[in-house]
Amino acid sequence: MTIDLVEAATHIFALGRGHLAALVDEFPESEDKAYLVTEFTADDRLRGRDIADPFGGDLDDYREMMQHLELCLPSLLAYIEQTCKAD
């Protein structure tokens, strides 16, 4: 991530609070546009929770992340559509 990417982004999403905190620590100007992927999901079991990074895990770990993302992405995309300014 670079300052140019942060400045150009309208939204930045992280899988977990640790990544989100590291982003905001390094780029404080990102705070108003940085979110957890799970922040907007309608699924109460996932809302506001971290999604585990499967790096180094087995295929089941990657499948679990994919299932969680499939539940979160529709509402996340709807949020982007609602908040993005049309050119």
Protein backbone atom coordinates (compact mmCIF):
# COMPACT_ATOMS: atom_id res chain seq x y z
CA MET A 1 0.00 0.00 0.00
CA THR A 2 1.26 3.44 -0.85
CA ILE A 3 0.02 6.91 -0.01
CA ASP A 4 -0.97 7.34 -3.66
CA LEU A 5 -3.23 4.27 -3.46
CA VAL A 6 -4.76 5.44 -0.19
CA GLU A 7 -5.48 8.89 -1.56
CA ALA A 8 -6.98 7.49 -4.78
CA ALA A 9 -9.20 4.95 -3.00
CA THR A 10 -12.80 5.71 -2.17
CA HIS A 11 -13.06 2.67 0.11
CA ILE A 12 -10.48 0.34 1.67
CA PHE A 13 -11.48 -3.01 3.16
CA ALA A 14 -9.60 -5.33 5.49
CA LEU A 15 -10.32 -8.89 6.56
CA GLY A 16 -9.37 -8.26 10.17
CA ARG A 17 -8.99 -5.59 12.83
CA GLY A 18 -5.21 -6.11 12.93
CA HIS A 19 -4.84 -5.25 9.25
CA LEU A 20 -7.25 -2.33 9.64
CA ALA A 21 -5.31 -0.94 12.60
CA ALA A 22 -1.99 -1.31 10.77
CA LEU A 23 -3.43 0.53 7.77
CA VAL A 24 -4.72 3.42 9.87
CA ASP A 25 -1.47 3.57 11.87
CA GLU A 26 0.58 3.90 8.70
CA PHE A 27 -1.94 6.08 6.84
CA PRO A 28 -4.09 8.03 9.35
CA GLU A 29 -5.82 9.79 6.45
CA SER A 30 -7.39 6.43 5.51
CA GLU A 31 -9.44 6.17 8.70
CA ASP A 32 -12.64 7.65 7.24
CA LYS A 33 -12.66 5.23 4.31
CA ALA A 34 -11.29 2.04 5.87
CA TYR A 35 -13.66 -0.73 6.96
CA LEU A 36 -13.83 -4.38 7.90
CA VAL A 37 -15.19 -6.54 5.11
CA THR A 38 -17.77 -7.85 7.58
CA GLU A 39 -18.97 -4.43 8.72
CA PHE A 40 -21.96 -4.32 6.37
CA THR A 41 -23.13 -7.93 6.28
CA ALA A 42 -26.69 -8.79 7.25
CA ASP A 43 -25.42 -12.01 8.85
CA ASP A 44 -25.36 -11.36 12.61
CA ARG A 45 -22.84 -14.19 13.10
CA LEU A 46 -20.26 -12.37 10.94
CA ARG A 47 -21.02 -8.65 11.31
CA GLY A 48 -18.01 -6.83 12.71
CA ARG A 49 -15.94 -9.99 13.08
CA ASP A 50 -12.57 -10.75 11.59
CA ILE A 51 -12.31 -13.15 8.68
CA ALA A 52 -9.28 -15.37 9.21
CA ASP A 53 -6.49 -14.96 6.68
CA PRO A 54 -6.01 -18.44 5.25
CA PHE A 55 -2.37 -17.84 4.25
CA GLY A 56 -0.39 -20.92 5.19
CA GLY A 57 -3.55 -22.89 5.85
CA ASP A 58 -5.06 -25.81 4.03
CA LEU A 59 -7.74 -25.86 1.34
CA ASP A 60 -10.53 -25.94 3.95
CA ASP A 61 -9.25 -22.66 5.42
CA TYR A 62 -9.47 -21.04 1.98
CA ARG A 63 -12.94 -22.45 1.44
CA GLU A 64 -14.12 -21.08 4.78
CA MET A 65 -12.82 -17.61 3.88
CA MET A 66 -14.56 -17.84 0.51
CA GLN A 67 -17.86 -18.77 2.18
CA HIS A 68 -17.58 -15.83 4.54
CA LEU A 69 -16.76 -13.45 1.69
CA GLU A 70 -19.71 -14.76 -0.33
CA LEU A 71 -21.98 -13.81 2.59
CA CYS A 72 -20.38 -10.36 3.04
CA LEU A 73 -19.79 -9.13 -0.49
CA PRO A 74 -23.38 -8.39 -1.58
CA SER A 75 -23.96 -5.90 1.24
CA LEU A 76 -20.43 -4.50 0.92
CA LEU A 77 -20.96 -3.87 -2.79
CA ALA A 78 -24.33 -2.26 -2.05
CA TYR A 79 -22.61 0.06 0.43
CA ILE A 80 -20.02 1.06 -2.17
CA GLU A 81 -22.75 1.75 -4.73
CA GLN A 82 -24.67 3.91 -2.23
CA THR A 83 -21.65 5.91 -1.12
CA CYS A 84 -19.63 6.33 -4.31
CA LYS A 85 -20.06 9.62 -6.04
CA ALA A 86 -20.91 9.28 -9.71
CA ASP A 87 -18.65 11.20 -12.07
